[in-house]
Amino acid sequence: GKLRALAVTGTVRSPSMPDVPTLAEAGIQNAESGSWVGLLAPAGTPKEIVDKIAASVKQVVVMPDVKKQLIEQGAIPVGNTPQQFAAIIAQDRKRYAKIIADNHLSAD
């Protein structure tokens, strides 16, 4: 048999499936969900070291062969700044805290 993708859960279309709409484009609002992969450093790591690692990662994810492999795996290579990544983490924490509170969820 065949499978047909109906939508992707991210906020943008997947580069590996550009013809598949997002949930929002398919008419389902406020249902986005995604994942991310990133590097974190211990608190107190000097800014110069964090910035150097971030710059190196950004150089790697835009290399054509690396970018191609990531896209083939369904990832969207970004290479954010540390500040942009921190904002994503903060936004996700806020979003999931609301979902947990609204649904009275616990880890029991």
PDB file of N, CA and C in Angstrom:
ATOM      1  N   GLY A   1       0.805  -1.178   0.000  1.00  0.00           N
ATOM      2  CA  GLY A   1       0.000   0.000   0.000  1.00  0.00           C
ATOM      3  C   GLY A   1       0.855   1.250   0.000  1.00  0.00           C
ATOM      4  N   LYS A   2       0.186   2.357  -0.068  1.00  0.00           N
ATOM      5  CA  LYS A   2       0.858   3.652  -0.065  1.00  0.00           C
ATOM      6  C   LYS A   2       0.371   4.478   1.109  1.00  0.00           C
ATOM      7  N   LEU A   3       1.252   5.333   1.569  1.00  0.00           N
ATOM      8  CA  LEU A   3       0.895   6.313   2.582  1.00  0.00           C
ATOM      9  C   LEU A   3       0.904   7.689   1.942  1.00  0.00           C
ATOM     10  N   ARG A   4      -0.003   8.530   2.377  1.00  0.00           N
ATOM     11  CA  ARG A   4      -0.034   9.902   1.882  1.00  0.00           C
ATOM     12  C   ARG A   4       0.021  10.828   3.082  1.00  0.00           C
ATOM     13  N   ALA A   5       1.025  11.680   3.108  1.00  0.00           N
ATOM     14  CA  ALA A   5       1.157  12.641   4.202  1.00  0.00           C
ATOM     15  C   ALA A   5       0.072  13.701   4.066  1.00  0.00           C
ATOM     16  N   LEU A   6      -0.641  13.957   5.140  1.00  0.00           N
ATOM     17  CA  LEU A   6      -1.715  14.948   5.125  1.00  0.00           C
ATOM     18  C   LEU A   6      -1.235  16.322   5.556  1.00  0.00           C
ATOM     19  N   ALA A   7      -0.298  16.353   6.499  1.00  0.00           N
ATOM     20  CA  ALA A   7       0.214  17.631   7.005  1.00  0.00           C
ATOM     21  C   ALA A   7       1.462  17.371   7.835  1.00  0.00           C
ATOM     22  N   VAL A   8       2.257  18.418   7.992  1.00  0.00           N
ATOM     23  CA  VAL A   8       3.392  18.364   8.912  1.00  0.00           C
ATOM     24  C   VAL A   8       3.035  19.193  10.138  1.00  0.00           C
ATOM     25  N   THR A   9       3.617  18.841  11.278  1.00  0.00           N
ATOM     26  CA  THR A   9       3.220  19.482  12.531  1.00  0.00           C
ATOM     27  C   THR A   9       3.971  20.768  12.837  1.00  0.00           C
ATOM     28  N   GLY A  10       4.991  21.082  12.063  1.00  0.00           N
ATOM     29  CA  GLY A  10       5.771  22.293  12.307  1.00  0.00           C
ATOM     30  C   GLY A  10       5.075  23.545  11.809  1.00  0.00           C
ATOM     31  N   THR A  11       5.729  24.666  12.033  1.00  0.00           N
ATOM     32  CA  THR A  11       5.169  25.951  11.603  1.00  0.00           C
ATOM     33  C   THR A  11       5.509  26.271  10.154  1.00  0.00           C
ATOM     34  N   VAL A  12       6.449  25.526   9.580  1.00  0.00           N
ATOM     35  CA  VAL A  12       6.812  25.691   8.169  1.00  0.00           C
ATOM     36  C   VAL A  12       6.829  24.321   7.510  1.00  0.00           C
ATOM     37  N   ARG A  13       6.684  24.312   6.206  1.00  0.00           N
ATOM     38  CA  ARG A  13       6.731  23.052   5.470  1.00  0.00           C
ATOM     39  C   ARG A  13       8.112  22.416   5.579  1.00  0.00           C
ATOM     40  N   SER A  14       8.126  21.112   5.523  1.00  0.00           N
ATOM     41  CA  SER A  14       9.388  20.380   5.598  1.00  0.00           C
ATOM     42  C   SER A  14      10.091  20.428   4.249  1.00  0.00           C
ATOM     43  N   PRO A  15      11.390  20.762   4.238  1.00  0.00           N
ATOM     44  CA  PRO A  15      12.122  20.765   2.965  1.00  0.00           C
ATOM     45  C   PRO A  15      12.139  19.387   2.299  1.00  0.00           C
ATOM     46  N   SER A  16      12.004  18.322   3.102  1.00  0.00           N
ATOM     47  CA  SER A  16      12.004  16.983   2.514  1.00  0.00           C
ATOM     48  C   SER A  16      10.640  16.606   1.941  1.00  0.00           C
ATOM     49  N   MET A  17       9.591  17.380   2.271  1.00  0.00           N
ATOM     50  CA  MET A  17       8.241  17.149   1.740  1.00  0.00           C
ATOM     51  C   MET A  17       7.585  18.494   1.440  1.00  0.00           C
ATOM     52  N   PRO A  18       8.123  19.241   0.489  1.00  0.00           N
ATOM     53  CA  PRO A  18       7.640  20.609   0.266  1.00  0.00           C
ATOM     54  C   PRO A  18       6.189  20.719  -0.201  1.00  0.00           C
ATOM     55  N   ASP A  19       5.628  19.645  -0.719  1.00  0.00           N
ATOM     56  CA  ASP A  19       4.243  19.690  -1.191  1.00  0.00           C
ATOM     57  C   ASP A  19       3.227  19.374  -0.091  1.00  0.00           C
ATOM     58  N   VAL A  20       3.717  19.007   1.086  1.00  0.00           N
ATOM     59  CA  VAL A  20       2.821  18.672   2.197  1.00  0.00           C
ATOM     60  C   VAL A  20       2.593  19.931   3.038  1.00  0.00           C
ATOM     61  N   PRO A  21       1.334  20.329   3.231  1.00  0.00           N
ATOM     62  CA  PRO A  21       1.052  21.560   3.976  1.00  0.00           C
ATOM     63  C   PRO A  21       1.314  21.406   5.473  1.00  0.00           C
ATOM     64  N   THR A  22       1.416  22.530   6.149  1.00  0.00           N
ATOM     65  CA  THR A  22       1.462  22.509   7.612  1.00  0.00           C
ATOM     66  C   THR A  22       0.039  22.278   8.121  1.00  0.00           C
ATOM     67  N   LEU A  23      -0.090  21.949   9.403  1.00  0.00           N
ATOM     68  CA  LEU A  23      -1.428  21.800   9.980  1.00  0.00           C
ATOM     69  C   LEU A  23      -2.234  23.080   9.815  1.00  0.00           C
ATOM     70  N   ALA A  24      -1.592  24.230  10.037  1.00  0.00           N
ATOM     71  CA  ALA A  24      -2.296  25.514   9.903  1.00  0.00           C
ATOM     72  C   ALA A  24      -2.790  25.708   8.475  1.00  0.00           C
ATOM     73  N   GLU A  25      -1.948  25.379   7.504  1.00  0.00           N
ATOM     74  CA  GLU A  25      -2.367  25.504   6.103  1.00  0.00           C
ATOM     75  C   GLU A  25      -3.505  24.544   5.775  1.00  0.00           C
ATOM     76  N   ALA A  26      -3.570  23.422   6.496  1.00  0.00           N
ATOM     77  CA  ALA A  26      -4.630  22.437   6.278  1.00  0.00           C
ATOM     78  C   ALA A  26      -5.897  22.785   7.059  1.00  0.00           C
ATOM     79  N   GLY A  27      -5.885  23.917   7.775  1.00  0.00           N
ATOM     80  CA  GLY A  27      -7.076  24.373   8.475  1.00  0.00           C
ATOM     81  C   GLY A  27      -7.135  24.030   9.951  1.00  0.00           C
ATOM     82  N   ILE A  28      -6.070  23.447  10.486  1.00  0.00           N
ATOM     83  CA  ILE A  28      -6.041  23.095  11.907  1.00  0.00           C
ATOM     84  C   ILE A  28      -5.136  24.094  12.617  1.00  0.00           C
ATOM     85  N   GLN A  29      -5.733  24.985  13.385  1.00  0.00           N
ATOM     86  CA  GLN A  29      -4.993  26.068  14.028  1.00  0.00           C
ATOM     87  C   GLN A  29      -4.510  25.682  15.429  1.00  0.00           C
ATOM     88  N   ASN A  30      -3.429  26.298  15.856  1.00  0.00           N
ATOM     89  CA  ASN A  30      -2.881  26.154  17.212  1.00  0.00           C
ATOM     90  C   ASN A  30      -2.563  24.713  17.585  1.00  0.00           C
ATOM     91  N   ALA A  31      -2.101  23.932  16.627  1.00  0.00           N
ATOM     92  CA  ALA A  31      -1.761  22.534  16.895  1.00  0.00           C
ATOM     93  C   ALA A  31      -0.315  22.227  16.527  1.00  0.00           C
ATOM     94  N   GLU A  32       0.487  23.261  16.355  1.00  0.00           N
ATOM     95  CA  GLU A  32       1.867  23.047  15.936  1.00  0.00           C
ATOM     96  C   GLU A  32       2.643  22.307  17.015  1.00  0.00           C
ATOM     97  N   SER A  33       3.515  21.463  16.565  1.00  0.00           N
ATOM     98  CA  SER A  33       4.408  20.754  17.464  1.00  0.00           C
ATOM     99  C   SER A  33       5.660  20.433  16.678  1.00  0.00           C
ATOM    100  N   GLY A  34       6.766  20.542  17.313  1.00  0.00           N
ATOM    101  CA  GLY A  34       8.003  20.251  16.622  1.00  0.00           C
ATOM    102  C   GLY A  34       9.055  19.806  17.611  1.00  0.00           C
ATOM    103  N   SER A  35      10.211  19.616  17.107  1.00  0.00           N
ATOM    104  CA  SER A  35      11.332  19.252  17.961  1.00  0.00           C
ATOM    105  C   SER A  35      12.546  20.034  17.500  1.00  0.00           C
ATOM    106  N   TRP A  36      13.522  20.075  18.351  1.00  0.00           N
ATOM    107  CA  TRP A  36      14.751  20.755  17.988  1.00  0.00           C
ATOM    108  C   TRP A  36      15.920  20.007  18.599  1.00  0.00           C
ATOM    109  N   VAL A  37      17.063  20.221  18.033  1.00  0.00           N
ATOM    110  CA  VAL A  37      18.305  19.664  18.553  1.00  0.00           C
ATOM    111  C   VAL A  37      19.252  20.835  18.717  1.00  0.00           C
ATOM    112  N   GLY A  38      19.893  20.913  19.847  1.00  0.00           N
ATOM    113  CA  GLY A  38      20.809  22.015  20.068  1.00  0.00           C
ATOM    114  C   GLY A  38      21.865  21.652  21.083  1.00  0.00           C
ATOM    115  N   LEU A  39      22.803  22.524  21.230  1.00  0.00           N
ATOM    116  CA  LEU A  39      23.874  22.344  22.205  1.00  0.00           C
ATOM    117  C   LEU A  39      23.653  23.297  23.368  1.00  0.00           C
ATOM    118  N   LEU A  40      23.855  22.786  24.570  1.00  0.00           N
ATOM    119  CA  LEU A  40      23.765  23.597  25.776  1.00  0.00           C
ATOM    120  C   LEU A  40      25.103  23.516  26.498  1.00  0.00           C
ATOM    121  N   ALA A  41      25.458  24.575  27.176  1.00  0.00           N
ATOM    122  CA  ALA A  41      26.709  24.621  27.931  1.00  0.00           C
ATOM    123  C   ALA A  41      26.392  24.841  29.406  1.00  0.00           C
ATOM    124  N   PRO A  42      27.301  24.458  30.283  1.00  0.00           N
ATOM    125  CA  PRO A  42      27.067  24.698  31.707  1.00  0.00           C
ATOM    126  C   PRO A  42      26.917  26.192  32.000  1.00  0.00           C
ATOM    127  N   ALA A  43      26.106  26.494  33.003  1.00  0.00           N
ATOM    128  CA  ALA A  43      25.964  27.891  33.436  1.00  0.00           C
ATOM    129  C   ALA A  43      27.342  28.445  33.761  1.00  0.00           C
ATOM    130  N   GLY A  44      27.557  29.678  33.380  1.00  0.00           N
ATOM    131  CA  GLY A  44      28.829  30.324  33.666  1.00  0.00           C
ATOM    132  C   GLY A  44      29.894  30.130  32.604  1.00  0.00           C
ATOM    133  N   THR A  45      29.562  29.388  31.545  1.00  0.00           N
ATOM    134  CA  THR A  45      30.531  29.239  30.455  1.00  0.00           C
ATOM    135  C   THR A  45      30.781  30.616  29.852  1.00  0.00           C
ATOM    136  N   PRO A  46      32.034  31.003  29.683  1.00  0.00           N
ATOM    137  CA  PRO A  46      32.319  32.333  29.130  1.00  0.00           C
ATOM    138  C   PRO A  46      31.646  32.554  27.772  1.00  0.00           C
ATOM    139  N   LYS A  47      31.111  33.761  27.588  1.00  0.00           N
ATOM    140  CA  LYS A  47      30.404  34.122  26.353  1.00  0.00           C
ATOM    141  C   LYS A  47      31.267  33.878  25.123  1.00  0.00           C
ATOM    142  N   GLU A  48      32.562  34.147  25.222  1.00  0.00           N
ATOM    143  CA  GLU A  48      33.448  33.965  24.065  1.00  0.00           C
ATOM    144  C   GLU A  48      33.462  32.507  23.613  1.00  0.00           C
ATOM    145  N   ILE A  49      33.437  31.580  24.561  1.00  0.00           N
ATOM    146  CA  ILE A  49      33.438  30.154  24.218  1.00  0.00           C
ATOM    147  C   ILE A  49      32.104  29.766  23.598  1.00  0.00           C
ATOM    148  N   VAL A  50      31.013  30.209  24.209  1.00  0.00           N
ATOM    149  CA  VAL A  50      29.676  29.916  23.669  1.00  0.00           C
ATOM    150  C   VAL A  50      29.558  30.455  22.246  1.00  0.00           C
ATOM    151  N   ASP A  51      29.982  31.685  22.032  1.00  0.00           N
ATOM    152  CA  ASP A  51      29.891  32.297  20.702  1.00  0.00           C
ATOM    153  C   ASP A  51      30.757  31.562  19.683  1.00  0.00           C
ATOM    154  N   LYS A  52      31.934  31.110  20.103  1.00  0.00           N
ATOM    155  CA  LYS A  52      32.823  30.384  19.192  1.00  0.00           C
ATOM    156  C   LYS A  52      32.201  29.047  18.780  1.00  0.00           C
ATOM    157  N   ILE A  53      31.632  28.326  19.739  1.00  0.00           N
ATOM    158  CA  ILE A  53      30.974  27.053  19.427  1.00  0.00           C
ATOM    159  C   ILE A  53      29.781  27.294  18.513  1.00  0.00           C
ATOM    160  N   ALA A  54      28.972  28.308  18.814  1.00  0.00           N
ATOM    161  CA  ALA A  54      27.799  28.618  17.988  1.00  0.00           C
ATOM    162  C   ALA A  54      28.207  28.947  16.559  1.00  0.00           C
ATOM    163  N   ALA A  55      29.261  29.718  16.389  1.00  0.00           N
ATOM    164  CA  ALA A  55      29.731  30.071  15.045  1.00  0.00           C
ATOM    165  C   ALA A  55      30.209  28.831  14.300  1.00  0.00           C
ATOM    166  N   SER A  56      30.890  27.935  14.999  1.00  0.00           N
ATOM    167  CA  SER A  56      31.367  26.703  14.368  1.00  0.00           C
ATOM    168  C   SER A  56      30.202  25.822  13.930  1.00  0.00           C
ATOM    169  N   VAL A  57      29.198  25.687  14.804  1.00  0.00           N
ATOM    170  CA  VAL A  57      28.026  24.879  14.460  1.00  0.00           C
ATOM    171  C   VAL A  57      27.318  25.474  13.252  1.00  0.00           C
ATOM    172  N   LYS A  58      27.180  26.794  13.236  1.00  0.00           N
ATOM    173  CA  LYS A  58      26.509  27.454  12.108  1.00  0.00           C
ATOM    174  C   LYS A  58      27.254  27.178  10.803  1.00  0.00           C
ATOM    175  N   GLN A  59      28.587  27.209  10.845  1.00  0.00           N
ATOM    176  CA  GLN A  59      29.378  26.907   9.644  1.00  0.00           C
ATOM    177  C   GLN A  59      29.125  25.483   9.167  1.00  0.00           C
ATOM    178  N   VAL A  60      29.005  24.554  10.106  1.00  0.00           N
ATOM    179  CA  VAL A  60      28.821  23.147   9.746  1.00  0.00           C
ATOM    180  C   VAL A  60      27.438  22.905   9.147  1.00  0.00           C
ATOM    181  N   VAL A  61      26.373  23.432   9.764  1.00  0.00           N
ATOM    182  CA  VAL A  61      25.021  23.115   9.282  1.00  0.00           C
ATOM    183  C   VAL A  61      24.705  23.720   7.922  1.00  0.00           C
ATOM    184  N   VAL A  62      25.501  24.684   7.466  1.00  0.00           N
ATOM    185  CA  VAL A  62      25.260  25.234   6.126  1.00  0.00           C
ATOM    186  C   VAL A  62      26.148  24.589   5.059  1.00  0.00           C
ATOM    187  N   MET A  63      27.032  23.668   5.472  1.00  0.00           N
ATOM    188  CA  MET A  63      27.831  22.946   4.479  1.00  0.00           C
ATOM    189  C   MET A  63      26.876  22.129   3.614  1.00  0.00           C
ATOM    190  N   PRO A  64      27.015  22.210   2.290  1.00  0.00           N
ATOM    191  CA  PRO A  64      26.055  21.544   1.409  1.00  0.00           C
ATOM    192  C   PRO A  64      25.808  20.071   1.735  1.00  0.00           C
ATOM    193  N   ASP A  65      26.862  19.290   1.994  1.00  0.00           N
ATOM    194  CA  ASP A  65      26.650  17.866   2.259  1.00  0.00           C
ATOM    195  C   ASP A  65      25.966  17.631   3.609  1.00  0.00           C
ATOM    196  N   VAL A  66      26.301  18.420   4.613  1.00  0.00           N
ATOM    197  CA  VAL A  66      25.664  18.291   5.923  1.00  0.00           C
ATOM    198  C   VAL A  66      24.209  18.740   5.831  1.00  0.00           C
ATOM    199  N   LYS A  67      23.982  19.877   5.189  1.00  0.00           N
ATOM    200  CA  LYS A  67      22.619  20.396   5.031  1.00  0.00           C
ATOM    201  C   LYS A  67      21.741  19.383   4.301  1.00  0.00           C
ATOM    202  N   LYS A  68      22.277  18.784   3.251  1.00  0.00           N
ATOM    203  CA  LYS A  68      21.531  17.782   2.474  1.00  0.00           C
ATOM    204  C   LYS A  68      21.160  16.588   3.353  1.00  0.00           C
ATOM    205  N   GLN A  69      22.107  16.096   4.136  1.00  0.00           N
ATOM    206  CA  GLN A  69      21.828  14.953   5.011  1.00  0.00           C
ATOM    207  C   GLN A  69      20.775  15.297   6.060  1.00  0.00           C
ATOM    208  N   LEU A  70      20.873  16.472   6.639  1.00  0.00           N
ATOM    209  CA  LEU A  70      19.893  16.874   7.647  1.00  0.00           C
ATOM    210  C   LEU A  70      18.496  16.976   7.044  1.00  0.00           C
ATOM    211  N   ILE A  71      18.395  17.573   5.870  1.00  0.00           N
ATOM    212  CA  ILE A  71      17.093  17.704   5.203  1.00  0.00           C
ATOM    213  C   ILE A  71      16.528  16.335   4.850  1.00  0.00           C
ATOM    214  N   GLU A  72      17.388  15.427   4.379  1.00  0.00           N
ATOM    215  CA  GLU A  72      16.926  14.074   4.048  1.00  0.00           C
ATOM    216  C   GLU A  72      16.383  13.350   5.277  1.00  0.00           C
ATOM    217  N   GLN A  73      16.854  13.727   6.455  1.00  0.00           N
ATOM    218  CA  GLN A  73      16.380  13.127   7.703  1.00  0.00           C
ATOM    219  C   GLN A  73      15.159  13.856   8.261  1.00  0.00           C
ATOM    220  N   GLY A  74      14.689  14.862   7.539  1.00  0.00           N
ATOM    221  CA  GLY A  74      13.502  15.600   7.961  1.00  0.00           C
ATOM    222  C   GLY A  74      13.789  16.797   8.845  1.00  0.00           C
ATOM    223  N   ALA A  75      15.055  17.123   9.020  1.00  0.00           N
ATOM    224  CA  ALA A  75      15.423  18.269   9.854  1.00  0.00           C
ATOM    225  C   ALA A  75      15.472  19.543   9.020  1.00  0.00           C
ATOM    226  N   ILE A  76      15.379  20.656   9.695  1.00  0.00           N
ATOM    227  CA  ILE A  76      15.533  21.955   9.052  1.00  0.00           C
ATOM    228  C   ILE A  76      16.771  22.597   9.668  1.00  0.00           C
ATOM    229  N   PRO A  77      17.898  22.577   8.961  1.00  0.00           N
ATOM    230  CA  PRO A  77      19.128  23.136   9.519  1.00  0.00           C
ATOM    231  C   PRO A  77      19.007  24.639   9.745  1.00  0.00           C
ATOM    232  N   VAL A  78      19.352  25.092  10.949  1.00  0.00           N
ATOM    233  CA  VAL A  78      19.168  26.497  11.279  1.00  0.00           C
ATOM    234  C   VAL A  78      20.475  27.165  11.673  1.00  0.00           C
ATOM    235  N   GLY A  79      21.088  26.742  12.747  1.00  0.00           N
ATOM    236  CA  GLY A  79      22.290  27.416  13.229  1.00  0.00           C
ATOM    237  C   GLY A  79      21.976  28.745  13.881  1.00  0.00           C
ATOM    238  N   ASN A  80      21.064  28.734  14.848  1.00  0.00           N
ATOM    239  CA  ASN A  80      20.667  29.955  15.563  1.00  0.00           C
ATOM    240  C   ASN A  80      21.805  30.533  16.390  1.00  0.00           C
ATOM    241  N   THR A  81      21.624  31.771  16.791  1.00  0.00           N
ATOM    242  CA  THR A  81      22.524  32.362  17.776  1.00  0.00           C
ATOM    243  C   THR A  81      22.140  31.803  19.152  1.00  0.00           C
ATOM    244  N   PRO A  82      23.031  31.886  20.126  1.00  0.00           N
ATOM    245  CA  PRO A  82      22.663  31.448  21.479  1.00  0.00           C
ATOM    246  C   PRO A  82      21.419  32.173  22.007  1.00  0.00           C
ATOM    247  N   GLN A  83      21.281  33.443  21.678  1.00  0.00           N
ATOM    248  CA  GLN A  83      20.117  34.205  22.143  1.00  0.00           C
ATOM    249  C   GLN A  83      18.826  33.702  21.485  1.00  0.00           C
ATOM    250  N   GLN A  84      18.876  33.399  20.198  1.00  0.00           N
ATOM    251  CA  GLN A  84      17.694  32.877  19.510  1.00  0.00           C
ATOM    252  C   GLN A  84      17.297  31.515  20.074  1.00  0.00           C
ATOM    253  N   PHE A  85      18.296  30.672  20.331  1.00  0.00           N
ATOM    254  CA  PHE A  85      18.014  29.347  20.877  1.00  0.00           C
ATOM    255  C   PHE A  85      17.426  29.452  22.282  1.00  0.00           C
ATOM    256  N   ALA A  86      17.958  30.348  23.099  1.00  0.00           N
ATOM    257  CA  ALA A  86      17.417  30.559  24.448  1.00  0.00           C
ATOM    258  C   ALA A  86      15.959  31.015  24.376  1.00  0.00           C
ATOM    259  N   ALA A  87      15.630  31.843  23.396  1.00  0.00           N
ATOM    260  CA  ALA A  87      14.247  32.309  23.231  1.00  0.00           C
ATOM    261  C   ALA A  87      13.324  31.153  22.845  1.00  0.00           C
ATOM    262  N   ILE A  88      13.796  30.253  22.004  1.00  0.00           N
ATOM    263  CA  ILE A  88      13.000  29.078  21.612  1.00  0.00           C
ATOM    264  C   ILE A  88      12.728  28.206  22.832  1.00  0.00           C
ATOM    265  N   ILE A  89      13.764  27.961  23.623  1.00  0.00           N
ATOM    266  CA  ILE A  89      13.600  27.148  24.829  1.00  0.00           C
ATOM    267  C   ILE A  89      12.602  27.805  25.782  1.00  0.00           C
ATOM    268  N   ALA A  90      12.721  29.107  25.991  1.00  0.00           N
ATOM    269  CA  ALA A  90      11.803  29.828  26.883  1.00  0.00           C
ATOM    270  C   ALA A  90      10.370  29.752  26.367  1.00  0.00           C
ATOM    271  N   GLN A  91      10.191  29.910  25.070  1.00  0.00           N
ATOM    272  CA  GLN A  91       8.854  29.842  24.469  1.00  0.00           C
ATOM    273  C   GLN A  91       8.259  28.442  24.648  1.00  0.00           C
ATOM    274  N   ASP A  92       9.056  27.400  24.415  1.00  0.00           N
ATOM    275  CA  ASP A  92       8.571  26.029  24.589  1.00  0.00           C
ATOM    276  C   ASP A  92       8.215  25.748  26.047  1.00  0.00           C
ATOM    277  N   ARG A  93       9.043  26.213  26.960  1.00  0.00           N
ATOM    278  CA  ARG A  93       8.758  25.999  28.389  1.00  0.00           C
ATOM    279  C   ARG A  93       7.421  26.641  28.764  1.00  0.00           C
ATOM    280  N   LYS A  94       7.193  27.849  28.288  1.00  0.00           N
ATOM    281  CA  LYS A  94       5.945  28.556  28.589  1.00  0.00           C
ATOM    282  C   LYS A  94       4.754  27.807  27.983  1.00  0.00           C
ATOM    283  N   ARG A  95       4.899  27.400  26.739  1.00  0.00           N
ATOM    284  CA  ARG A  95       3.800  26.708  26.049  1.00  0.00           C
ATOM    285  C   ARG A  95       3.446  25.398  26.750  1.00  0.00           C
ATOM    286  N   TYR A  96       4.459  24.587  27.048  1.00  0.00           N
ATOM    287  CA  TYR A  96       4.184  23.289  27.659  1.00  0.00           C
ATOM    288  C   TYR A  96       3.757  23.422  29.115  1.00  0.00           C
ATOM    289  N   ALA A  97       4.216  24.442  29.821  1.00  0.00           N
ATOM    290  CA  ALA A  97       3.746  24.684  31.187  1.00  0.00           C
ATOM    291  C   ALA A  97       2.244  24.958  31.179  1.00  0.00           C
ATOM    292  N   LYS A  98       1.772  25.720  30.193  1.00  0.00           N
ATOM    293  CA  LYS A  98       0.339  26.011  30.080  1.00  0.00           C
ATOM    294  C   LYS A  98      -0.450  24.739  29.775  1.00  0.00           C
ATOM    295  N   ILE A  99       0.045  23.928  28.846  1.00  0.00           N
ATOM    296  CA  ILE A  99      -0.635  22.668  28.508  1.00  0.00           C
ATOM    297  C   ILE A  99      -0.721  21.771  29.741  1.00  0.00           C
ATOM    298  N   ILE A 100       0.371  21.675  30.484  1.00  0.00           N
ATOM    299  CA  ILE A 100       0.399  20.846  31.690  1.00  0.00           C
ATOM    300  C   ILE A 100      -0.591  21.372  32.722  1.00  0.00           C
ATOM    301  N   ALA A 101      -0.580  22.680  32.956  1.00  0.00           N
ATOM    302  CA  ALA A 101      -1.492  23.277  33.943  1.00  0.00           C
ATOM    303  C   ALA A 101      -2.949  23.152  33.506  1.00  0.00           C
ATOM    304  N   ASP A 102      -3.237  23.470  32.244  1.00  0.00           N
ATOM    305  CA  ASP A 102      -4.617  23.421  31.747  1.00  0.00           C
ATOM    306  C   ASP A 102      -5.213  22.018  31.809  1.00  0.00           C
ATOM    307  N   ASN A 103      -4.369  21.015  31.697  1.00  0.00           N
ATOM    308  CA  ASN A 103      -4.848  19.630  31.674  1.00  0.00           C
ATOM    309  C   ASN A 103      -4.582  18.887  32.984  1.00  0.00           C
ATOM    310  N   HIS A 104      -4.132  19.637  33.987  1.00  0.00           N
ATOM    311  CA  HIS A 104      -3.882  19.068  35.322  1.00  0.00           C
ATOM    312  C   HIS A 104      -3.000  17.822  35.240  1.00  0.00           C
ATOM    313  N   LEU A 105      -1.926  17.924  34.476  1.00  0.00           N
ATOM    314  CA  LEU A 105      -1.017  16.798  34.299  1.00  0.00           C
ATOM    315  C   LEU A 105       0.051  16.802  35.384  1.00  0.00           C
ATOM    316  N   SER A 106       0.505  15.614  35.719  1.00  0.00           N
ATOM    317  CA  SER A 106       1.609  15.498  36.677  1.00  0.00           C
ATOM    318  C   SER A 106       2.464  14.300  36.283  1.00  0.00           C
ATOM    319  N   ALA A 107       3.617  14.214  36.886  1.00  0.00           N
ATOM    320  CA  ALA A 107       4.547  13.127  36.568  1.00  0.00           C
ATOM    321  C   ALA A 107       4.401  11.960  37.539  1.00  0.00           C
ATOM    322  N   ASP A 108       3.279  11.881  38.225  1.00  0.00           N
ATOM    323  CA  ASP A 108       3.065  10.809  39.217  1.00  0.00           C
ATOM    324  C   ASP A 108       2.933   9.461  38.545  1.00  0.00           C
TER     325      ASP A 108
END
